[in-house]
């Protein structure tokens, strides 16, 4: 079978993100900071929508998962117990000529990929950032910026189990910032030093873990395709025994076909009972689960789906990026799922004349109460359509001079460029239904709006 090839050039997406206000280099006026990025007005909305879609799927629409927001700074013994202090390292090599540093396992050959110089021997480099608590910098005051959100959920296992009275199986979910002093960053926001994670620890009775592992692999893959990722751009890659983390019983990566090739989008890991046992041993506080029904005490096994917000956002952008011919030009659009689109509806008056503009602003004021929308009256209507297509806006509402007479507006769809004319009364409900994927049509002569309910 022929392997698919990436269809989107990363440079084109980076250009669009910069031009339209999705993502900027961090500290750009000072020359930038490698591996760090700022999300602009549209990018921050996209990220919020990705996180909201994940939270709804993982927490709000389930009875067996609850949320947590653990501190970024934790007691340093947390990271000693988890193995991060002694083992969270990558092999680092440095060029003797240009002094650039690279991960040894990412290099081909024994020469510097930048200048061709000789490389020093590899040495281990811990990826955690250190900082200090209090006014005096010393070893006793040293803490770490967390490299993952998972440990906050493990150390709070008993707190959550006691306060929520949840019985196994149940999960704890968290979205939050993590920090890794990556040796090699690159590929836009794919690998950075400051990033955001969406992680969940699902605690199950030993013996049921294999079944739950398969369940969560399928659930997580479906989440991406339900939000518009093409199935042919996703694949599942189980880890071989030689690449499993020391704590892992199984691990499978959901990989996406990025422009640089197949790379990890999300990992689902069976962590067995490693973490709860480690924190019990190091803290002296038992994290065993008391199974009242069975009259047993044991350490639950943990299934961990761990996704990056930034990588997910990048995958959604890449998969949505489309170029198609439009007369003598090329139309660029982002076919983002309506749940993810930064702007759901754009209101576009044909003229800035005060009477029309006033009517259009009233329409926009009504829409924006329930739908994320944007008002745009600059340049020609064609240019405004193209601008909204490029930022992924699913629907545009065009208001012309007839609108003030017949109290109707035109809804234009991003993907098909199809248009329907509907009454202003009930417009927000029509837009909400269309964004939810319901069929809408208008029956003349009365102009009543109908929803297709199957008959």
Protein backbone atom coordinates (compact mmCIF):
# COMPACT_ATOMS: atom_id res chain seq x y z
CA UNK A 1 0.00 0.00 0.00
CA UNK A 2 1.34 3.45 -0.93
CA UNK A 3 2.10 5.71 2.02
CA UNK A 4 0.25 9.05 1.94
CA UNK A 5 2.33 12.20 1.60
CA UNK A 6 1.78 15.52 3.40
CA UNK A 7 -0.25 17.92 1.26
CA UNK A 8 0.44 21.15 3.17
CA UNK A 9 3.66 23.10 3.15
CA UNK A 10 4.54 24.22 6.69
CA UNK A 11 5.90 27.56 5.44
CA UNK A 12 2.51 28.44 3.94
CA UNK A 13 0.74 27.71 7.21
CA UNK A 14 3.31 29.65 9.25
CA UNK A 15 2.84 32.62 6.89
CA UNK A 16 -0.94 32.48 7.24
CA UNK A 17 -0.72 32.22 11.04
CA UNK A 18 1.59 35.23 11.21
CA UNK A 19 -0.39 37.31 8.69
CA UNK A 20 -3.81 36.67 10.17
CA UNK A 21 -2.91 36.83 13.86
CA UNK A 22 -2.93 33.19 14.94
CA UNK A 23 0.64 32.78 16.19
CA UNK A 24 3.65 35.12 16.54
CA UNK A 25 7.28 34.44 17.53
CA UNK A 26 7.74 35.21 21.23
CA UNK A 27 9.53 38.50 22.03
CA UNK A 28 9.73 39.19 18.30
CA UNK A 29 10.85 42.83 18.60
CA UNK A 30 13.92 41.59 20.51
CA UNK A 31 14.78 38.94 17.96
CA UNK A 32 12.56 36.20 19.38
CA UNK A 33 13.20 33.41 21.88
CA UNK A 34 13.81 29.97 20.41
CA UNK A 35 11.12 27.40 21.13
CA UNK A 36 8.59 29.92 22.48
CA UNK A 37 5.47 31.29 20.76
CA UNK A 38 2.74 33.83 21.40
CA UNK A 39 -0.85 33.12 20.37
CA UNK A 40 -2.53 36.14 18.78
CA UNK A 41 -6.21 37.16 18.80
CA UNK A 42 -7.31 34.28 16.56
CA UNK A 43 -4.82 31.76 17.90
CA UNK A 44 -5.91 32.17 21.50
CA UNK A 45 -9.52 31.54 20.45
CA UNK A 46 -8.48 28.41 18.54
CA UNK A 47 -6.56 27.11 21.57
CA UNK A 48 -9.48 27.83 23.88
CA UNK A 49 -11.80 25.95 21.53
CA UNK A 50 -9.45 22.93 21.34
CA UNK A 51 -9.27 22.81 25.14
CA UNK A 52 -13.01 23.27 25.51
CA UNK A 53 -13.73 20.46 23.03
CA UNK A 54 -11.35 18.16 24.94
CA UNK A 55 -12.80 19.12 28.33
CA UNK A 56 -16.36 18.55 27.14
CA UNK A 57 -15.46 15.13 25.74
CA UNK A 58 -13.31 13.96 28.65
CA UNK A 59 -15.01 15.54 31.68
CA UNK A 60 -18.35 17.25 31.11
CA UNK A 61 -19.96 14.54 29.00
CA UNK A 62 -18.88 11.69 31.29
CA UNK A 63 -19.83 10.58 34.80
CA UNK A 64 -16.54 8.82 35.52
CA UNK A 65 -14.00 11.67 35.09
CA UNK A 66 -13.50 14.80 37.19
CA UNK A 67 -11.21 17.78 36.76
CA UNK A 68 -8.22 19.17 38.61
CA UNK A 69 -5.96 22.22 38.38
CA UNK A 70 -2.75 21.39 40.21
CA UNK A 71 0.02 23.86 40.94
CA UNK A 72 2.85 24.24 38.41
CA UNK A 73 5.37 24.40 41.28
CA UNK A 74 5.39 21.23 43.37
CA UNK A 75 7.53 19.84 46.17
CA UNK A 76 10.85 18.72 44.60
CA UNK A 77 10.38 15.24 46.11
CA UNK A 78 7.47 14.74 43.71
CA UNK A 79 9.96 14.73 40.85
CA UNK A 80 12.42 12.53 42.71
CA UNK A 81 9.69 9.96 43.31
CA UNK A 82 8.52 10.06 39.70
CA UNK A 83 12.06 9.56 38.40
CA UNK A 84 12.31 12.90 36.63
CA UNK A 85 15.27 14.17 38.65
CA UNK A 86 17.43 11.13 37.94
CA UNK A 87 16.08 9.94 34.62
CA UNK A 88 14.35 12.73 32.67
CA UNK A 89 17.30 13.32 30.38
CA UNK A 90 18.20 13.35 26.71
CA UNK A 91 21.63 12.55 25.21
CA UNK A 92 23.28 15.85 24.23
CA UNK A 93 26.22 16.46 21.89
CA UNK A 94 27.99 19.77 21.26
CA UNK A 95 29.91 20.86 18.17
CA UNK A 96 33.53 21.78 18.89
CA UNK A 97 33.48 24.44 16.14
CA UNK A 98 30.14 26.33 16.32
CA UNK A 99 29.15 25.09 19.82
CA UNK A 100 25.59 24.33 18.78
CA UNK A 101 23.98 21.47 20.71
CA UNK A 102 21.89 18.62 19.34
CA UNK A 103 20.13 15.53 20.61
CA UNK A 104 22.39 12.60 19.85
CA UNK A 105 19.46 10.34 18.92
CA UNK A 106 18.30 12.88 16.30
CA UNK A 107 21.60 12.98 14.41
CA UNK A 108 22.76 11.00 11.41
CA UNK A 109 26.52 10.58 11.25
CA UNK A 110 29.24 11.99 13.53
CA UNK A 111 29.54 15.53 12.15
CA UNK A 112 27.73 18.74 13.06
CA UNK A 113 24.68 19.18 10.78
CA UNK A 114 25.20 22.97 10.86
CA UNK A 115 28.89 23.49 10.11
CA UNK A 116 30.29 19.99 9.60
CA UNK A 117 32.54 20.29 12.65
CA UNK A 118 33.54 17.52 15.02
CA UNK A 119 31.07 16.61 17.76
CA UNK A 120 31.91 16.05 21.41
CA UNK A 121 30.90 12.87 23.20
CA UNK A 122 27.26 12.62 24.22
CA UNK A 123 26.29 13.49 27.79
CA UNK A 124 22.95 13.38 29.53
CA UNK A 125 21.08 16.65 29.91
CA UNK A 126 18.10 16.98 32.30
CA UNK A 127 15.17 18.67 30.60
CA UNK A 128 13.59 20.24 33.70
CA UNK A 129 13.82 23.97 34.32
CA UNK A 130 14.99 24.93 37.82
CA UNK A 131 13.96 27.95 39.83
CA UNK A 132 14.13 29.00 43.48
CA UNK A 133 11.52 29.67 46.13
CA UNK A 134 12.23 32.51 48.54
CA UNK A 135 14.78 35.34 48.49
CA UNK A 136 17.94 33.21 48.82
CA UNK A 137 19.13 30.91 46.06
CA UNK A 138 20.40 27.66 47.53
CA UNK A 139 19.87 23.96 47.08
CA UNK A 140 17.18 23.79 49.74
CA UNK A 141 15.08 26.38 47.90
CA UNK A 142 15.35 24.76 44.47
CA UNK A 143 12.11 23.72 42.78
CA UNK A 144 11.26 22.72 39.24
CA UNK A 145 8.83 23.95 36.62
CA UNK A 146 6.75 20.86 35.97
CA UNK A 147 7.65 18.93 32.79
CA UNK A 148 4.20 17.27 32.74
CA UNK A 149 0.81 17.69 34.42
CA UNK A 150 0.40 14.00 35.33
CA UNK A 151 2.10 14.00 38.73
CA UNK A 152 -0.32 16.54 40.15
CA UNK A 153 -3.12 14.06 39.50
CA UNK A 154 -1.26 11.17 41.10
CA UNK A 155 -0.39 12.99 44.31
CA UNK A 156 -4.03 14.16 44.59
CA UNK A 157 -5.48 10.69 44.00
CA UNK A 158 -6.70 10.19 47.57
CA UNK A 159 -7.94 13.78 47.86
CA UNK A 160 -10.09 13.38 44.77
CA UNK A 161 -11.29 9.86 45.62
CA UNK A 162 -12.32 10.95 49.12
CA UNK A 163 -14.03 14.22 48.22
CA UNK A 164 -15.88 12.97 45.13
CA UNK A 165 -16.66 9.48 46.53
CA UNK A 166 -15.88 8.07 43.09
CA UNK A 167 -15.61 4.29 42.74
CA UNK A 168 -13.24 2.62 40.31
CA UNK A 169 -12.97 3.02 37.41
CA UNK A 170 -12.69 6.82 37.43
CA UNK A 171 -10.40 9.44 35.98
CA UNK A 172 -8.82 12.77 36.87
CA UNK A 173 -8.28 15.25 34.03
CA UNK A 174 -6.19 18.39 33.81
CA UNK A 175 -5.22 21.02 31.26
CA UNK A 176 -2.17 23.11 32.04
CA UNK A 177 1.23 24.51 31.13
CA UNK A 178 4.37 22.36 31.20
CA UNK A 179 7.99 23.25 30.57
CA UNK A 180 10.87 21.29 29.06
CA UNK A 181 14.32 22.64 28.27
CA UNK A 182 14.33 20.94 24.88
CA UNK A 183 17.72 20.72 23.22
CA UNK A 184 16.26 20.90 19.73
CA UNK A 185 13.06 22.78 19.02
CA UNK A 186 11.50 23.36 15.63
CA UNK A 187 8.74 22.59 13.17
CA UNK A 188 6.80 25.66 14.28
CA UNK A 189 4.77 24.91 17.45
CA UNK A 190 5.30 21.13 17.22
CA UNK A 191 8.15 21.10 19.77
CA UNK A 192 8.61 24.02 22.12
CA UNK A 193 9.97 24.74 25.59
CA UNK A 194 6.72 26.06 27.02
CA UNK A 195 3.60 24.18 26.02
CA UNK A 196 0.16 23.19 27.21
CA UNK A 197 -1.01 19.65 27.90
CA UNK A 198 -4.38 17.90 28.10
CA UNK A 199 -3.87 14.80 30.24
CA UNK A 200 -6.12 12.35 32.02
CA UNK A 201 -5.27 9.58 34.47
CA UNK A 202 -7.93 6.86 34.40
CA UNK A 203 -7.66 4.57 37.42
CA UNK A 204 -8.87 0.98 37.01
CA UNK A 205 -8.79 -2.31 38.88
CA UNK A 206 -5.77 -4.46 37.97
CA UNK A 207 -6.87 -7.10 35.49
CA UNK A 208 -9.26 -4.75 33.69
CA UNK A 209 -6.48 -2.48 32.41
CA UNK A 210 -6.01 -4.16 29.01
CA UNK A 211 -9.66 -3.61 28.13
CA UNK A 212 -9.60 0.01 29.26
CA UNK A 213 -6.36 0.67 27.38
CA UNK A 214 -7.98 -0.42 24.10
CA UNK A 215 -11.08 1.59 24.94
CA UNK A 216 -9.18 4.83 25.42
CA UNK A 217 -7.06 4.34 22.31
CA UNK A 218 -10.22 4.16 20.22
CA UNK A 219 -11.94 7.01 22.08
CA UNK A 220 -9.03 9.35 21.56
CA UNK A 221 -8.58 8.53 17.88
CA UNK A 222 -12.30 9.17 17.30
CA UNK A 223 -12.04 12.57 18.99
CA UNK A 224 -9.71 13.84 16.28
CA UNK A 225 -11.74 12.50 13.38
CA UNK A 226 -14.99 13.79 14.89
CA UNK A 227 -13.43 17.27 14.85
CA UNK A 228 -12.46 17.06 11.20
CA UNK A 229 -9.06 15.35 10.99
CA UNK A 230 -8.91 13.14 7.89
CA UNK A 231 -8.64 9.47 8.97
CA UNK A 232 -5.95 8.85 6.34
CA UNK A 233 -3.75 11.43 8.09
CA UNK A 234 -3.87 9.50 11.37
CA UNK A 235 -2.30 6.19 12.30
CA UNK A 236 -1.78 4.18 15.46
CA UNK A 237 1.77 3.14 16.33
CA UNK A 238 2.22 0.73 19.26
CA UNK A 239 5.55 1.09 21.04
CA UNK A 240 7.98 -1.80 20.85
CA UNK A 241 9.37 -3.36 24.01
CA UNK A 242 12.70 -1.56 23.44
CA UNK A 243 11.13 1.93 23.49
CA UNK A 244 8.62 1.61 26.32
CA UNK A 245 9.17 3.90 29.29
CA UNK A 246 10.31 2.05 32.40
CA UNK A 247 6.90 2.46 34.03
CA UNK A 248 4.80 1.49 30.99
CA UNK A 249 3.06 -1.81 30.40
CA UNK A 250 1.82 -0.66 26.98
CA UNK A 251 1.94 2.56 24.99
CA UNK A 252 0.48 3.53 21.63
CA UNK A 253 0.95 6.82 19.84
CA UNK A 254 -1.70 8.42 17.69
CA UNK A 255 0.45 9.86 14.94
CA UNK A 256 -0.43 12.59 12.44
CA UNK A 257 1.09 13.04 9.00
CA UNK A 258 2.79 16.39 9.61
CA UNK A 259 4.77 18.09 6.81
CA UNK A 260 7.96 16.62 8.33
CA UNK A 261 6.42 13.12 8.31
CA UNK A 262 4.55 10.89 10.74
CA UNK A 263 4.99 12.23 14.28
CA UNK A 264 3.33 11.80 17.66
CA UNK A 265 0.09 13.70 18.20
CA UNK A 266 -1.00 11.94 21.40
CA UNK A 267 0.20 9.06 23.52
CA UNK A 268 -1.99 6.57 25.37
CA UNK A 269 -0.07 4.67 28.05
CA UNK A 270 -0.84 1.89 30.49
CA UNK A 271 1.31 3.10 33.39
CA UNK A 272 0.39 0.08 35.56
CA UNK A 273 0.60 0.92 39.29
CA UNK A 274 4.04 2.55 39.13
CA UNK A 275 3.15 6.13 40.08
CA UNK A 276 0.87 5.51 43.06
CA UNK A 277 3.37 3.02 44.50
CA UNK A 278 6.29 5.44 44.03
CA UNK A 279 4.53 8.32 45.75
CA UNK A 280 3.39 6.03 48.57
CA UNK A 281 6.98 4.89 49.12
CA UNK A 282 8.54 8.36 48.99
CA UNK A 283 5.87 10.29 50.91
CA UNK A 284 4.97 7.67 53.49
CA UNK A 285 1.28 8.33 52.77
CA UNK A 286 -0.71 5.42 51.36
CA UNK A 287 -2.33 5.93 47.98
CA UNK A 288 -3.97 2.51 47.95
CA UNK A 289 -7.58 2.26 46.93
CA UNK A 290 -10.04 0.70 49.37
CA UNK A 291 -12.46 -1.44 47.34
CA UNK A 292 -15.49 -1.69 49.64
CA UNK A 293 -17.38 -4.04 47.33
CA UNK A 294 -14.55 -6.57 47.16
CA UNK A 295 -13.20 -5.91 50.64
CA UNK A 296 -9.72 -5.34 49.19
CA UNK A 297 -7.00 -2.72 49.23
CA UNK A 298 -4.76 -2.35 46.19
CA UNK A 299 -2.95 0.10 43.95
CA UNK A 300 -5.07 0.84 40.85
CA UNK A 301 -3.55 0.64 37.39
CA UNK A 302 -3.60 3.85 35.36
CA UNK A 303 -4.45 4.45 31.71
CA UNK A 304 -3.11 7.82 30.56
CA UNK A 305 -4.22 9.61 27.37
CA UNK A 306 -1.80 12.56 27.07
CA UNK A 307 -2.19 15.17 24.34
CA UNK A 308 -0.54 18.50 23.61
CA UNK A 309 -2.81 21.48 23.02
CA UNK A 310 -0.26 23.06 20.69
CA UNK A 311 0.28 19.91 18.62
CA UNK A 312 -3.46 19.35 18.37
CA UNK A 313 -3.96 22.96 17.24
CA UNK A 314 -1.20 22.53 14.65
CA UNK A 315 -2.75 19.30 13.33
CA UNK A 316 -6.21 20.88 13.08
CA UNK A 317 -4.75 23.88 11.21
CA UNK A 318 -2.76 21.70 8.81
CA UNK A 319 -5.69 19.42 8.09
CA UNK A 320 -8.01 22.38 7.52
CA UNK A 321 -5.66 24.32 5.22
CA UNK A 322 -7.01 24.20 1.68
CA UNK A 323 -6.16 25.87 -1.61
CA UNK A 324 -8.63 25.70 -4.47
CA UNK A 325 -8.96 27.48 -7.83
CA UNK A 326 -11.35 30.42 -7.97
CA UNK A 327 -11.54 31.93 -11.48
CA UNK A 328 -8.06 33.35 -12.11
CA UNK A 329 -7.06 33.25 -8.46
CA UNK A 330 -6.50 30.72 -5.68
CA UNK A 331 -8.89 30.66 -2.75
CA UNK A 332 -7.21 29.83 0.55
CA UNK A 333 -9.46 28.61 3.33
CA UNK A 334 -9.31 26.82 6.64
CA UNK A 335 -11.98 24.13 6.76
CA UNK A 336 -12.00 24.14 10.55
CA UNK A 337 -14.76 22.30 12.37
CA UNK A 338 -17.29 24.88 13.67
CA UNK A 339 -16.45 23.90 17.27
CA UNK A 340 -12.83 24.90 16.66
CA UNK A 341 -13.20 27.94 14.41
CA UNK A 342 -11.99 31.11 16.22
CA UNK A 343 -14.84 33.10 14.67
CA UNK A 344 -18.11 31.29 14.03
CA UNK A 345 -20.00 34.02 12.16
CA UNK A 346 -18.96 37.23 10.40
CA UNK A 347 -21.45 40.06 9.86
CA UNK A 348 -20.71 41.95 6.65
CA UNK A 349 -22.72 45.03 5.64
CA UNK A 350 -22.43 45.90 1.93
CA UNK A 351 -21.97 49.58 2.73
CA UNK A 352 -20.79 51.84 5.54
CA UNK A 353 -23.75 54.16 5.04
CA UNK A 354 -25.12 54.98 8.44
CA UNK A 355 -28.60 53.55 8.01
CA UNK A 356 -27.29 50.21 6.75
CA UNK A 357 -24.39 50.13 9.21
CA UNK A 358 -26.74 50.80 12.12
CA UNK A 359 -29.02 47.97 11.04
CA UNK A 360 -26.02 45.63 10.62
CA UNK A 361 -24.63 46.49 14.05
CA UNK A 362 -27.99 45.68 15.62
CA UNK A 363 -27.96 42.31 13.87
CA UNK A 364 -24.40 41.70 15.08
CA UNK A 365 -25.27 42.72 18.65
CA UNK A 366 -28.00 40.08 18.70
CA UNK A 367 -25.78 37.35 17.24
CA UNK A 368 -22.78 37.94 19.49
CA UNK A 369 -24.82 37.35 22.65
CA UNK A 370 -24.69 33.61 21.97
CA UNK A 371 -22.23 33.07 19.09
CA UNK A 372 -18.59 34.16 18.72
CA UNK A 373 -18.82 36.62 15.86
CA UNK A 374 -16.96 39.41 14.10
CA UNK A 375 -18.12 42.62 12.43
CA UNK A 376 -16.22 43.60 9.28
CA UNK A 377 -17.02 46.52 6.97
CA UNK A 378 -13.62 47.25 5.40
CA UNK A 379 -12.77 46.64 1.71
CA UNK A 380 -14.98 44.99 -0.91
CA UNK A 381 -17.37 42.19 -0.01
CA UNK A 382 -15.27 39.75 -2.06
CA UNK A 383 -12.12 40.58 -0.10
CA UNK A 384 -14.01 40.25 3.15
CA UNK A 385 -15.29 36.82 2.16
CA UNK A 386 -11.71 35.74 1.35
CA UNK A 387 -10.45 37.09 4.66
CA UNK A 388 -13.06 35.13 6.59
CA UNK A 389 -12.34 32.00 4.53
CA UNK A 390 -8.65 32.28 5.44
CA UNK A 391 -9.33 32.42 9.17
CA UNK A 392 -11.81 29.55 9.03
CA UNK A 393 -15.11 31.37 9.68
CA UNK A 394 -17.87 28.85 8.78
CA UNK A 395 -20.66 31.36 8.08
CA UNK A 396 -20.95 34.95 6.85
CA UNK A 397 -24.08 37.05 7.20
CA UNK A 398 -24.33 39.64 4.43
CA UNK A 399 -26.61 42.64 4.93
CA UNK A 400 -27.67 44.66 1.87
CA UNK A 401 -30.01 47.59 1.32
CA UNK A 402 -32.95 45.26 0.73
CA UNK A 403 -32.41 43.88 4.24
CA UNK A 404 -33.85 47.01 5.82
CA UNK A 405 -37.00 46.60 3.74
CA UNK A 406 -37.68 42.86 3.78
CA UNK A 407 -35.88 42.18 7.10
CA UNK A 408 -33.88 39.35 5.53
CA UNK A 409 -30.16 38.68 5.33
CA UNK A 410 -27.99 36.32 3.31
CA UNK A 411 -26.06 33.47 4.95
CA UNK A 412 -23.01 32.38 2.97
CA UNK A 413 -21.26 29.09 3.76
CA UNK A 414 -17.47 28.88 3.80
CA UNK A 415 -16.94 25.42 2.33
CA UNK A 416 -19.48 25.45 -0.50
CA UNK A 417 -19.89 29.22 -0.93
CA UNK A 418 -23.62 28.42 -1.13
CA UNK A 419 -26.05 31.11 0.00
CA UNK A 420 -29.54 31.22 1.48
CA UNK A 421 -31.65 34.22 2.41
CA UNK A 422 -33.43 34.09 5.75
CA UNK A 423 -35.49 36.40 8.00
CA UNK A 424 -33.66 38.41 10.65
CA UNK A 425 -36.14 37.17 13.23
CA UNK A 426 -34.72 33.96 14.58
CA UNK A 427 -31.38 34.46 12.75
CA UNK A 428 -29.30 33.44 15.76
CA UNK A 429 -31.24 30.18 16.07
CA UNK A 430 -30.72 29.46 12.36
CA UNK A 431 -26.97 30.14 12.65
CA UNK A 432 -26.67 27.95 15.74
CA UNK A 433 -28.48 25.11 13.99
CA UNK A 434 -26.27 25.38 10.91
CA UNK A 435 -23.12 25.45 13.06
CA UNK A 436 -24.40 22.28 14.77
CA UNK A 437 -24.78 20.60 11.37
CA UNK A 438 -28.56 20.65 11.20
CA UNK A 439 -30.29 21.09 7.84
CA UNK A 440 -31.91 24.48 7.34
CA UNK A 441 -34.07 25.65 4.49
CA UNK A 442 -36.41 28.51 3.74
CA UNK A 443 -39.87 28.03 2.26
CA UNK A 444 -41.31 30.85 0.14
CA UNK A 445 -43.41 32.91 0.00
CA UNK A 446 -43.60 33.47 3.74
CA UNK A 447 -39.88 33.04 4.36
CA UNK A 448 -40.45 30.80 7.35
CA UNK A 449 -37.33 29.05 8.59
CA UNK A 450 -37.59 25.29 8.96
CA UNK A 451 -35.33 22.72 10.47
CA UNK A 452 -35.16 19.37 8.78
CA UNK A 453 -36.28 16.94 11.46
CA UNK A 454 -36.40 13.97 9.12
CA UNK A 455 -39.84 14.34 7.65
